Amino acid sequence: DFEVNLADLKKNEEQGFRKIKLRVDEVQGKNCLTNFHGMEFTTDKLRSLVRKWHTLIEASLDVRTTDGYVVRMFCIGQTARRPNQVKKTTYAQSAQIKRIRRKMFDVITQYTATVELKDVVNNLVAEVYGREITKACNSIFPLQNVFIRKVKVLRTPKFDVTKLFEIHTGGYTGVEDDAGKALE
Protein backbone atom coordinates (compact mmCIF):
# COMPACT_ATOMS: atom_id res chain seq x y z
CA ASP A 1 0.00 0.00 0.00
CA PHE A 2 1.10 3.53 -0.82
CA GLU A 3 -0.16 6.65 0.90
CA VAL A 4 -0.06 9.65 -1.42
CA ASN A 5 -1.15 13.22 -0.91
CA LEU A 6 -3.87 14.30 -3.36
CA ALA A 7 -2.02 17.59 -3.87
CA ASP A 8 0.89 15.62 -5.36
CA LEU A 9 -1.39 13.61 -7.63
CA LYS A 10 -3.43 16.58 -8.88
CA LYS A 11 -0.62 19.19 -8.67
CA ASN A 12 -3.03 21.40 -6.70
CA GLU A 13 -1.93 22.52 -3.22
CA GLU A 14 -5.51 23.22 -2.09
CA GLN A 15 -6.14 19.45 -2.03
CA GLY A 16 -3.22 18.86 0.37
CA PHE A 17 -5.41 17.73 3.27
CA ARG A 18 -6.51 14.49 1.57
CA LYS A 19 -4.38 11.36 1.84
CA ILE A 20 -5.14 8.71 -0.78
CA LYS A 21 -4.25 5.06 -0.16
CA LEU A 22 -3.30 3.11 -3.29
CA ARG A 23 -2.82 -0.66 -3.41
CA VAL A 24 -0.50 -2.31 -5.94
CA ASP A 25 -2.55 -4.90 -7.84
CA GLU A 26 -0.21 -5.77 -10.71
CA VAL A 27 3.48 -5.27 -11.47
CA GLN A 28 4.63 -5.06 -15.08
CA GLY A 29 8.36 -4.62 -15.45
CA LYS A 30 9.10 -1.28 -13.81
CA ASN A 31 5.46 -0.19 -13.65
CA CYS A 32 3.14 -0.83 -10.71
CA LEU A 33 -0.56 -0.77 -11.53
CA THR A 34 -2.36 0.56 -8.45
CA ASN A 35 -5.98 0.79 -7.44
CA PHE A 36 -7.82 3.01 -4.93
CA HIS A 37 -7.80 1.51 -1.43
CA GLY A 38 -8.94 4.39 0.80
CA MET A 39 -8.94 8.09 1.55
CA GLU A 40 -8.38 10.01 4.76
CA PHE A 41 -8.11 13.62 5.92
CA THR A 42 -4.93 14.84 7.55
CA THR A 43 -5.16 15.27 11.32
CA ASP A 44 -4.60 19.03 11.19
CA LYS A 45 -7.49 19.50 8.73
CA LEU A 46 -9.84 17.45 10.95
CA ARG A 47 -8.85 19.49 14.00
CA SER A 48 -9.41 22.75 12.15
CA LEU A 49 -13.01 21.74 11.33
CA VAL A 50 -14.04 21.41 15.00
CA ARG A 51 -15.35 24.68 16.38
CA LYS A 52 -16.89 25.80 19.65
CA TRP A 53 -20.60 26.60 19.88
CA HIS A 54 -21.49 24.47 16.84
CA THR A 55 -22.93 20.96 16.64
CA LEU A 56 -20.63 18.43 14.97
CA ILE A 57 -22.52 15.74 13.06
CA GLU A 58 -20.81 12.53 11.99
CA ALA A 59 -22.14 9.52 10.10
CA SER A 60 -20.69 6.32 8.69
CA LEU A 61 -22.21 4.01 6.10
CA ASP A 62 -21.25 0.85 4.18
CA VAL A 63 -22.17 0.98 0.49
CA ARG A 64 -21.64 -1.44 -2.41
CA THR A 65 -20.64 0.07 -5.77
CA THR A 66 -21.92 -1.36 -9.07
CA ASP A 67 -18.57 -3.03 -9.80
CA GLY A 68 -18.64 -4.99 -6.53
CA TYR A 69 -16.51 -2.92 -4.13
CA VAL A 70 -17.84 -2.44 -0.59
CA VAL A 71 -16.71 0.89 0.85
CA ARG A 72 -17.28 2.42 4.27
CA MET A 73 -17.67 6.19 4.12
CA PHE A 74 -17.35 8.50 7.11
CA CYS A 75 -19.06 11.87 6.75
CA ILE A 76 -18.50 14.94 8.90
CA GLY A 77 -20.36 18.24 8.96
CA GLN A 78 -21.28 20.99 11.35
CA THR A 79 -24.05 23.46 11.84
CA ALA A 80 -23.68 26.93 10.36
CA ARG A 81 -24.82 30.26 11.74
CA ARG A 82 -27.86 31.69 10.03
CA PRO A 83 -27.60 35.18 8.55
CA ASN A 84 -28.68 37.83 11.11
CA GLN A 85 -28.27 35.33 13.95
CA VAL A 86 -27.86 36.96 17.35
CA LYS A 87 -27.61 33.88 19.54
CA LYS A 88 -24.06 32.81 20.41
CA THR A 89 -24.61 29.06 19.98
CA THR A 90 -25.62 27.22 16.83
CA TYR A 91 -26.75 23.88 18.21
CA ALA A 92 -29.09 21.49 16.43
CA GLN A 93 -31.68 19.48 18.34
CA SER A 94 -31.23 15.70 18.51
CA ALA A 95 -34.22 15.10 16.21
CA GLN A 96 -32.70 17.46 13.65
CA ILE A 97 -29.35 15.66 13.95
CA LYS A 98 -31.06 12.34 13.27
CA ARG A 99 -32.83 13.77 10.19
CA ILE A 100 -29.56 15.28 8.93
CA ARG A 101 -27.78 11.95 9.42
CA ARG A 102 -30.55 10.17 7.50
CA LYS A 103 -30.14 12.69 4.65
CA MET A 104 -26.38 12.06 4.70
CA PHE A 105 -27.06 8.33 4.31
CA ASP A 106 -29.47 8.98 1.42
CA VAL A 107 -27.05 11.23 -0.49
CA ILE A 108 -24.07 8.92 0.05
CA THR A 109 -26.10 5.91 -1.11
CA GLN A 110 -27.47 7.80 -4.12
CA TYR A 111 -24.02 8.88 -5.34
CA THR A 112 -22.20 5.61 -4.52
CA ALA A 113 -24.49 2.63 -5.07
CA THR A 114 -25.27 3.57 -8.68
CA VAL A 115 -21.70 4.10 -9.95
CA GLU A 116 -18.35 2.31 -10.19
CA LEU A 117 -15.41 2.86 -7.82
CA LYS A 118 -13.57 5.21 -10.22
CA ASP A 119 -16.64 7.48 -10.30
CA VAL A 120 -16.82 7.40 -6.49
CA VAL A 121 -13.18 8.57 -6.37
CA ASN A 122 -13.93 11.33 -8.90
CA ASN A 123 -16.91 12.44 -6.77
CA LEU A 124 -14.69 12.50 -3.66
CA VAL A 125 -12.06 14.65 -5.36
CA ALA A 126 -14.70 17.02 -6.78
CA GLU A 127 -16.38 17.27 -3.32
CA VAL A 128 -19.75 16.31 -4.82
CA TYR A 129 -20.87 14.60 -1.62
CA GLY A 130 -20.33 17.65 0.59
CA ARG A 131 -22.17 20.00 -1.77
CA GLU A 132 -25.14 17.65 -2.20
CA ILE A 133 -25.47 16.92 1.54
CA THR A 134 -25.34 20.66 2.33
CA LYS A 135 -28.03 21.30 -0.28
CA ALA A 136 -30.25 18.41 0.92
CA CYS A 137 -30.00 19.35 4.62
CA ASN A 138 -30.47 23.10 4.21
CA SER A 139 -34.20 22.82 4.93
CA ILE A 140 -33.52 21.03 8.25
CA PHE A 141 -30.56 23.09 9.50
CA PRO A 142 -27.88 25.01 7.56
CA LEU A 143 -24.59 23.11 7.46
CA GLN A 144 -20.99 24.05 6.73
CA ASN A 145 -17.73 22.14 6.31
CA VAL A 146 -19.46 18.97 5.09
CA PHE A 147 -16.92 16.43 3.87
CA ILE A 148 -16.39 12.73 3.45
CA ARG A 149 -13.50 12.58 5.91
CA LYS A 150 -12.54 8.96 5.41
CA VAL A 151 -13.17 6.10 2.98
CA LYS A 152 -12.21 2.48 3.61
CA VAL A 153 -12.41 -0.23 0.97
CA LEU A 154 -13.80 -3.17 2.95
CA ARG A 155 -14.26 -5.74 0.21
CA THR A 156 -12.95 -5.93 -3.34
CA PRO A 157 -14.35 -8.09 -6.13
CA LYS A 158 -12.38 -10.97 -7.59
CA PHE A 159 -9.17 -9.59 -9.17
CA ASP A 160 -9.59 -8.89 -12.88
CA VAL A 161 -6.53 -7.80 -14.88
CA THR A 162 -8.56 -6.47 -17.82
CA LYS A 163 -10.62 -4.26 -15.49
CA LEU A 164 -7.40 -2.86 -13.98
CA PHE A 165 -6.03 -2.11 -17.48
CA GLU A 166 -9.29 -0.38 -18.33
CA ILE A 167 -8.87 1.93 -15.32
CA HIS A 168 -5.24 2.75 -16.16
CA THR A 169 -5.57 3.14 -19.94
CA GLY A 170 -8.89 4.93 -19.96
CA GLY A 171 -10.92 2.26 -21.72
CA TYR A 172 -8.36 0.50 -23.91
CA THR A 173 -7.83 -3.10 -22.78
CA GLY A 174 -5.42 -4.20 -25.50
CA VAL A 175 -7.94 -6.76 -26.76
CA GLU A 176 -9.99 -6.38 -29.95
CA ASP A 177 -13.66 -5.87 -29.15
CA ASP A 178 -15.21 -8.67 -31.18
CA ALA A 179 -17.66 -10.05 -28.66
CA GLY A 180 -20.80 -11.29 -30.40
CA LYS A 181 -19.34 -11.41 -33.92
CA ALA A 182 -19.83 -14.56 -35.96
CA LEU A 183 -16.83 -16.87 -36.46
CA GLU A 184 -15.82 -17.88 -39.98
C-alpha atoms as a PDB file:
ATOM      1  CA  ASP A   1       0.000   0.000   0.000  1.00  0.00           C
ATOM      2  CA  PHE A   2       1.101   3.534  -0.819  1.00  0.00           C
ATOM      3  CA  GLU A   3      -0.164   6.649   0.898  1.00  0.00           C
ATOM      4  CA  VAL A   4      -0.060   9.648  -1.420  1.00  0.00           C
ATOM      5  CA  ASN A   5      -1.155  13.215  -0.907  1.00  0.00           C
ATOM      6  CA  LEU A   6      -3.873  14.297  -3.355  1.00  0.00           C
ATOM      7  CA  ALA A   7      -2.021  17.594  -3.865  1.00  0.00           C
ATOM      8  CA  ASP A   8       0.892  15.623  -5.355  1.00  0.00           C
ATOM      9  CA  LEU A   9      -1.390  13.605  -7.629  1.00  0.00           C
ATOM     10  CA  LYS A  10      -3.427  16.580  -8.885  1.00  0.00           C
ATOM     11  CA  LYS A  11      -0.621  19.194  -8.671  1.00  0.00           C
ATOM     12  CA  ASN A  12      -3.026  21.398  -6.702  1.00  0.00           C
ATOM     13  CA  GLU A  13      -1.932  22.518  -3.220  1.00  0.00           C
ATOM     14  CA  GLU A  14      -5.506  23.222  -2.094  1.00  0.00           C
ATOM     15  CA  GLN A  15      -6.137  19.452  -2.032  1.00  0.00           C
ATOM     16  CA  GLY A  16      -3.219  18.856   0.365  1.00  0.00           C
ATOM     17  CA  PHE A  17      -5.407  17.732   3.268  1.00  0.00           C
ATOM     18  CA  ARG A  18      -6.508  14.487   1.571  1.00  0.00           C
ATOM     19  CA  LYS A  19      -4.381  11.361   1.844  1.00  0.00           C
ATOM     20  CA  ILE A  20      -5.137   8.710  -0.780  1.00  0.00           C
ATOM     21  CA  LYS A  21      -4.251   5.062  -0.163  1.00  0.00           C
ATOM     22  CA  LEU A  22      -3.302   3.113  -3.288  1.00  0.00           C
ATOM     23  CA  ARG A  23      -2.821  -0.658  -3.412  1.00  0.00           C
ATOM     24  CA  VAL A  24      -0.499  -2.311  -5.942  1.00  0.00           C
ATOM     25  CA  ASP A  25      -2.546  -4.903  -7.837  1.00  0.00           C
ATOM     26  CA  GLU A  26      -0.212  -5.766 -10.706  1.00  0.00           C
ATOM     27  CA  VAL A  27       3.484  -5.274 -11.468  1.00  0.00           C
ATOM     28  CA  GLN A  28       4.634  -5.061 -15.079  1.00  0.00           C
ATOM     29  CA  GLY A  29       8.360  -4.624 -15.447  1.00  0.00           C
ATOM     30  CA  LYS A  30       9.097  -1.280 -13.812  1.00  0.00           C
ATOM     31  CA  ASN A  31       5.459  -0.190 -13.645  1.00  0.00           C
ATOM     32  CA  CYS A  32       3.139  -0.826 -10.706  1.00  0.00           C
ATOM     33  CA  LEU A  33      -0.563  -0.770 -11.529  1.00  0.00           C
ATOM     34  CA  THR A  34      -2.362   0.564  -8.455  1.00  0.00           C
ATOM     35  CA  ASN A  35      -5.980   0.788  -7.444  1.00  0.00           C
ATOM     36  CA  PHE A  36      -7.816   3.011  -4.930  1.00  0.00           C
ATOM     37  CA  HIS A  37      -7.798   1.513  -1.435  1.00  0.00           C
ATOM     38  CA  GLY A  38      -8.942   4.389   0.802  1.00  0.00           C
ATOM     39  CA  MET A  39      -8.942   8.095   1.546  1.00  0.00           C
ATOM     40  CA  GLU A  40      -8.381  10.013   4.761  1.00  0.00           C
ATOM     41  CA  PHE A  41      -8.112  13.615   5.920  1.00  0.00           C
ATOM     42  CA  THR A  42      -4.932  14.835   7.551  1.00  0.00           C
ATOM     43  CA  THR A  43      -5.157  15.271  11.318  1.00  0.00           C
ATOM     44  CA  ASP A  44      -4.603  19.028  11.192  1.00  0.00           C
ATOM     45  CA  LYS A  45      -7.494  19.502   8.730  1.00  0.00           C
ATOM     46  CA  LEU A  46      -9.840  17.455  10.945  1.00  0.00           C
ATOM     47  CA  ARG A  47      -8.848  19.487  14.004  1.00  0.00           C
ATOM     48  CA  SER A  48      -9.406  22.748  12.146  1.00  0.00           C
ATOM     49  CA  LEU A  49     -13.008  21.736  11.332  1.00  0.00           C
ATOM     50  CA  VAL A  50     -14.037  21.407  14.999  1.00  0.00           C
ATOM     51  CA  ARG A  51     -15.352  24.681  16.383  1.00  0.00           C
ATOM     52  CA  LYS A  52     -16.888  25.801  19.646  1.00  0.00           C
ATOM     53  CA  TRP A  53     -20.604  26.603  19.880  1.00  0.00           C
ATOM     54  CA  HIS A  54     -21.485  24.471  16.835  1.00  0.00           C
ATOM     55  CA  THR A  55     -22.931  20.961  16.637  1.00  0.00           C
ATOM     56  CA  LEU A  56     -20.627  18.434  14.967  1.00  0.00           C
ATOM     57  CA  ILE A  57     -22.524  15.737  13.057  1.00  0.00           C
ATOM     58  CA  GLU A  58     -20.807  12.532  11.988  1.00  0.00           C
ATOM     59  CA  ALA A  59     -22.138   9.520  10.097  1.00  0.00           C
ATOM     60  CA  SER A  60     -20.687   6.318   8.687  1.00  0.00           C
ATOM     61  CA  LEU A  61     -22.205   4.009   6.105  1.00  0.00           C
ATOM     62  CA  ASP A  62     -21.249   0.854   4.178  1.00  0.00           C
ATOM     63  CA  VAL A  63     -22.170   0.978   0.490  1.00  0.00           C
ATOM     64  CA  ARG A  64     -21.638  -1.442  -2.413  1.00  0.00           C
ATOM     65  CA  THR A  65     -20.643   0.066  -5.774  1.00  0.00           C
ATOM     66  CA  THR A  66     -21.921  -1.358  -9.069  1.00  0.00           C
ATOM     67  CA  ASP A  67     -18.567  -3.026  -9.800  1.00  0.00           C
ATOM     68  CA  GLY A  68     -18.642  -4.994  -6.528  1.00  0.00           C
ATOM     69  CA  TYR A  69     -16.512  -2.919  -4.129  1.00  0.00           C
ATOM     70  CA  VAL A  70     -17.838  -2.444  -0.595  1.00  0.00           C
ATOM     71  CA  VAL A  71     -16.713   0.894   0.846  1.00  0.00           C
ATOM     72  CA  ARG A  72     -17.285   2.422   4.271  1.00  0.00           C
ATOM     73  CA  MET A  73     -17.672   6.193   4.118  1.00  0.00           C
ATOM     74  CA  PHE A  74     -17.352   8.505   7.106  1.00  0.00           C
ATOM     75  CA  CYS A  75     -19.064  11.866   6.754  1.00  0.00           C
ATOM     76  CA  ILE A  76     -18.503  14.940   8.899  1.00  0.00           C
ATOM     77  CA  GLY A  77     -20.364  18.236   8.957  1.00  0.00           C
ATOM     78  CA  GLN A  78     -21.276  20.991  11.353  1.00  0.00           C
ATOM     79  CA  THR A  79     -24.046  23.463  11.845  1.00  0.00           C
ATOM     80  CA  ALA A  80     -23.680  26.926  10.358  1.00  0.00           C
ATOM     81  CA  ARG A  81     -24.824  30.256  11.740  1.00  0.00           C
ATOM     82  CA  ARG A  82     -27.865  31.686  10.027  1.00  0.00           C
ATOM     83  CA  PRO A  83     -27.603  35.176   8.555  1.00  0.00           C
ATOM     84  CA  ASN A  84     -28.678  37.834  11.106  1.00  0.00           C
ATOM     85  CA  GLN A  85     -28.272  35.333  13.946  1.00  0.00           C
ATOM     86  CA  VAL A  86     -27.860  36.960  17.352  1.00  0.00           C
ATOM     87  CA  LYS A  87     -27.614  33.878  19.545  1.00  0.00           C
ATOM     88  CA  LYS A  88     -24.061  32.807  20.406  1.00  0.00           C
ATOM     89  CA  THR A  89     -24.609  29.061  19.975  1.00  0.00           C
ATOM     90  CA  THR A  90     -25.616  27.217  16.828  1.00  0.00           C
ATOM     91  CA  TYR A  91     -26.746  23.884  18.213  1.00  0.00           C
ATOM     92  CA  ALA A  92     -29.092  21.489  16.433  1.00  0.00           C
ATOM     93  CA  GLN A  93     -31.678  19.482  18.340  1.00  0.00           C
ATOM     94  CA  SER A  94     -31.234  15.699  18.512  1.00  0.00           C
ATOM     95  CA  ALA A  95     -34.224  15.102  16.214  1.00  0.00           C
ATOM     96  CA  GLN A  96     -32.695  17.461  13.646  1.00  0.00           C
ATOM     97  CA  ILE A  97     -29.352  15.660  13.951  1.00  0.00           C
ATOM     98  CA  LYS A  98     -31.058  12.335  13.265  1.00  0.00           C
ATOM     99  CA  ARG A  99     -32.826  13.766  10.193  1.00  0.00           C
ATOM    100  CA  ILE A 100     -29.557  15.280   8.934  1.00  0.00           C
ATOM    101  CA  ARG A 101     -27.778  11.951   9.424  1.00  0.00           C
ATOM    102  CA  ARG A 102     -30.552  10.170   7.496  1.00  0.00           C
ATOM    103  CA  LYS A 103     -30.144  12.692   4.650  1.00  0.00           C
ATOM    104  CA  MET A 104     -26.378  12.056   4.704  1.00  0.00           C
ATOM    105  CA  PHE A 105     -27.064   8.326   4.310  1.00  0.00           C
ATOM    106  CA  ASP A 106     -29.471   8.976   1.420  1.00  0.00           C
ATOM    107  CA  VAL A 107     -27.049  11.230  -0.493  1.00  0.00           C
ATOM    108  CA  ILE A 108     -24.071   8.919   0.049  1.00  0.00           C
ATOM    109  CA  THR A 109     -26.103   5.910  -1.107  1.00  0.00           C
ATOM    110  CA  GLN A 110     -27.469   7.795  -4.118  1.00  0.00           C
ATOM    111  CA  TYR A 111     -24.024   8.881  -5.340  1.00  0.00           C
ATOM    112  CA  THR A 112     -22.198   5.614  -4.523  1.00  0.00           C
ATOM    113  CA  ALA A 113     -24.491   2.630  -5.069  1.00  0.00           C
ATOM    114  CA  THR A 114     -25.273   3.572  -8.681  1.00  0.00           C
ATOM    115  CA  VAL A 115     -21.703   4.103  -9.955  1.00  0.00           C
ATOM    116  CA  GLU A 116     -18.352   2.314 -10.190  1.00  0.00           C
ATOM    117  CA  LEU A 117     -15.409   2.862  -7.818  1.00  0.00           C
ATOM    118  CA  LYS A 118     -13.572   5.212 -10.219  1.00  0.00           C
ATOM    119  CA  ASP A 119     -16.645   7.483 -10.298  1.00  0.00           C
ATOM    120  CA  VAL A 120     -16.819   7.405  -6.489  1.00  0.00           C
ATOM    121  CA  VAL A 121     -13.177   8.570  -6.366  1.00  0.00           C
ATOM    122  CA  ASN A 122     -13.928  11.332  -8.896  1.00  0.00           C
ATOM    123  CA  ASN A 123     -16.911  12.445  -6.774  1.00  0.00           C
ATOM    124  CA  LEU A 124     -14.694  12.500  -3.660  1.00  0.00           C
ATOM    125  CA  VAL A 125     -12.064  14.655  -5.355  1.00  0.00           C
ATOM    126  CA  ALA A 126     -14.698  17.022  -6.778  1.00  0.00           C
ATOM    127  CA  GLU A 127     -16.378  17.270  -3.324  1.00  0.00           C
ATOM    128  CA  VAL A 128     -19.754  16.315  -4.820  1.00  0.00           C
ATOM    129  CA  TYR A 129     -20.871  14.597  -1.617  1.00  0.00           C
ATOM    130  CA  GLY A 130     -20.333  17.653   0.588  1.00  0.00           C
ATOM    131  CA  ARG A 131     -22.174  19.999  -1.769  1.00  0.00           C
ATOM    132  CA  GLU A 132     -25.136  17.653  -2.203  1.00  0.00           C
ATOM    133  CA  ILE A 133     -25.468  16.920   1.539  1.00  0.00           C
ATOM    134  CA  THR A 134     -25.343  20.655   2.330  1.00  0.00           C
ATOM    135  CA  LYS A 135     -28.035  21.297  -0.283  1.00  0.00           C
ATOM    136  CA  ALA A 136     -30.248  18.412   0.924  1.00  0.00           C
ATOM    137  CA  CYS A 137     -29.999  19.351   4.617  1.00  0.00           C
ATOM    138  CA  ASN A 138     -30.469  23.099   4.206  1.00  0.00           C
ATOM    139  CA  SER A 139     -34.198  22.824   4.935  1.00  0.00           C
ATOM    140  CA  ILE A 140     -33.517  21.035   8.250  1.00  0.00           C
ATOM    141  CA  PHE A 141     -30.564  23.089   9.502  1.00  0.00           C
ATOM    142  CA  PRO A 142     -27.884  25.013   7.565  1.00  0.00           C
ATOM    143  CA  LEU A 143     -24.590  23.108   7.457  1.00  0.00           C
ATOM    144  CA  GLN A 144     -20.994  24.051   6.733  1.00  0.00           C
ATOM    145  CA  ASN A 145     -17.729  22.135   6.308  1.00  0.00           C
ATOM    146  CA  VAL A 146     -19.457  18.973   5.092  1.00  0.00           C
ATOM    147  CA  PHE A 147     -16.915  16.433   3.868  1.00  0.00           C
ATOM    148  CA  ILE A 148     -16.388  12.730   3.449  1.00  0.00           C
ATOM    149  CA  ARG A 149     -13.498  12.579   5.905  1.00  0.00           C
ATOM    150  CA  LYS A 150     -12.545   8.958   5.405  1.00  0.00           C
ATOM    151  CA  VAL A 151     -13.175   6.095   2.981  1.00  0.00           C
ATOM    152  CA  LYS A 152     -12.211   2.477   3.609  1.00  0.00           C
ATOM    153  CA  VAL A 153     -12.410  -0.233   0.967  1.00  0.00           C
ATOM    154  CA  LEU A 154     -13.798  -3.167   2.951  1.00  0.00           C
ATOM    155  CA  ARG A 155     -14.263  -5.743   0.211  1.00  0.00           C
ATOM    156  CA  THR A 156     -12.950  -5.927  -3.337  1.00  0.00           C
ATOM    157  CA  PRO A 157     -14.346  -8.088  -6.129  1.00  0.00           C
ATOM    158  CA  LYS A 158     -12.376 -10.972  -7.593  1.00  0.00           C
ATOM    159  CA  PHE A 159      -9.172  -9.586  -9.172  1.00  0.00           C
ATOM    160  CA  ASP A 160      -9.591  -8.889 -12.881  1.00  0.00           C
ATOM    161  CA  VAL A 161      -6.525  -7.796 -14.875  1.00  0.00           C
ATOM    162  CA  THR A 162      -8.560  -6.470 -17.819  1.00  0.00           C
ATOM    163  CA  LYS A 163     -10.624  -4.258 -15.493  1.00  0.00           C
ATOM    164  CA  LEU A 164      -7.403  -2.859 -13.979  1.00  0.00           C
ATOM    165  CA  PHE A 165      -6.027  -2.111 -17.477  1.00  0.00           C
ATOM    166  CA  GLU A 166      -9.293  -0.383 -18.325  1.00  0.00           C
ATOM    167  CA  ILE A 167      -8.872   1.932 -15.324  1.00  0.00           C
ATOM    168  CA  HIS A 168      -5.241   2.752 -16.162  1.00  0.00           C
ATOM    169  CA  THR A 169      -5.569   3.142 -19.937  1.00  0.00           C
ATOM    170  CA  GLY A 170      -8.890   4.932 -19.958  1.00  0.00           C
ATOM    171  CA  GLY A 171     -10.918   2.260 -21.718  1.00  0.00           C
ATOM    172  CA  TYR A 172      -8.358   0.496 -23.906  1.00  0.00           C
ATOM    173  CA  THR A 173      -7.832  -3.096 -22.780  1.00  0.00           C
ATOM    174  CA  GLY A 174      -5.418  -4.197 -25.496  1.00  0.00           C
ATOM    175  CA  VAL A 175      -7.939  -6.755 -26.760  1.00  0.00           C
ATOM    176  CA  GLU A 176      -9.993  -6.376 -29.952  1.00  0.00           C
ATOM    177  CA  ASP A 177     -13.661  -5.873 -29.154  1.00  0.00           C
ATOM    178  CA  ASP A 178     -15.211  -8.675 -31.184  1.00  0.00           C
ATOM    179  CA  ALA A 179     -17.664 -10.054 -28.662  1.00  0.00           C
ATOM    180  CA  GLY A 180     -20.797 -11.285 -30.400  1.00  0.00           C
ATOM    181  CA  LYS A 181     -19.341 -11.410 -33.922  1.00  0.00           C
ATOM    182  CA  ALA A 182     -19.827 -14.562 -35.963  1.00  0.00           C
ATOM    183  CA  LEU A 183     -16.831 -16.873 -36.460  1.00  0.00           C
ATOM    184  CA  GLU A 184     -15.819 -17.880 -39.985  1.00  0.00           C
END
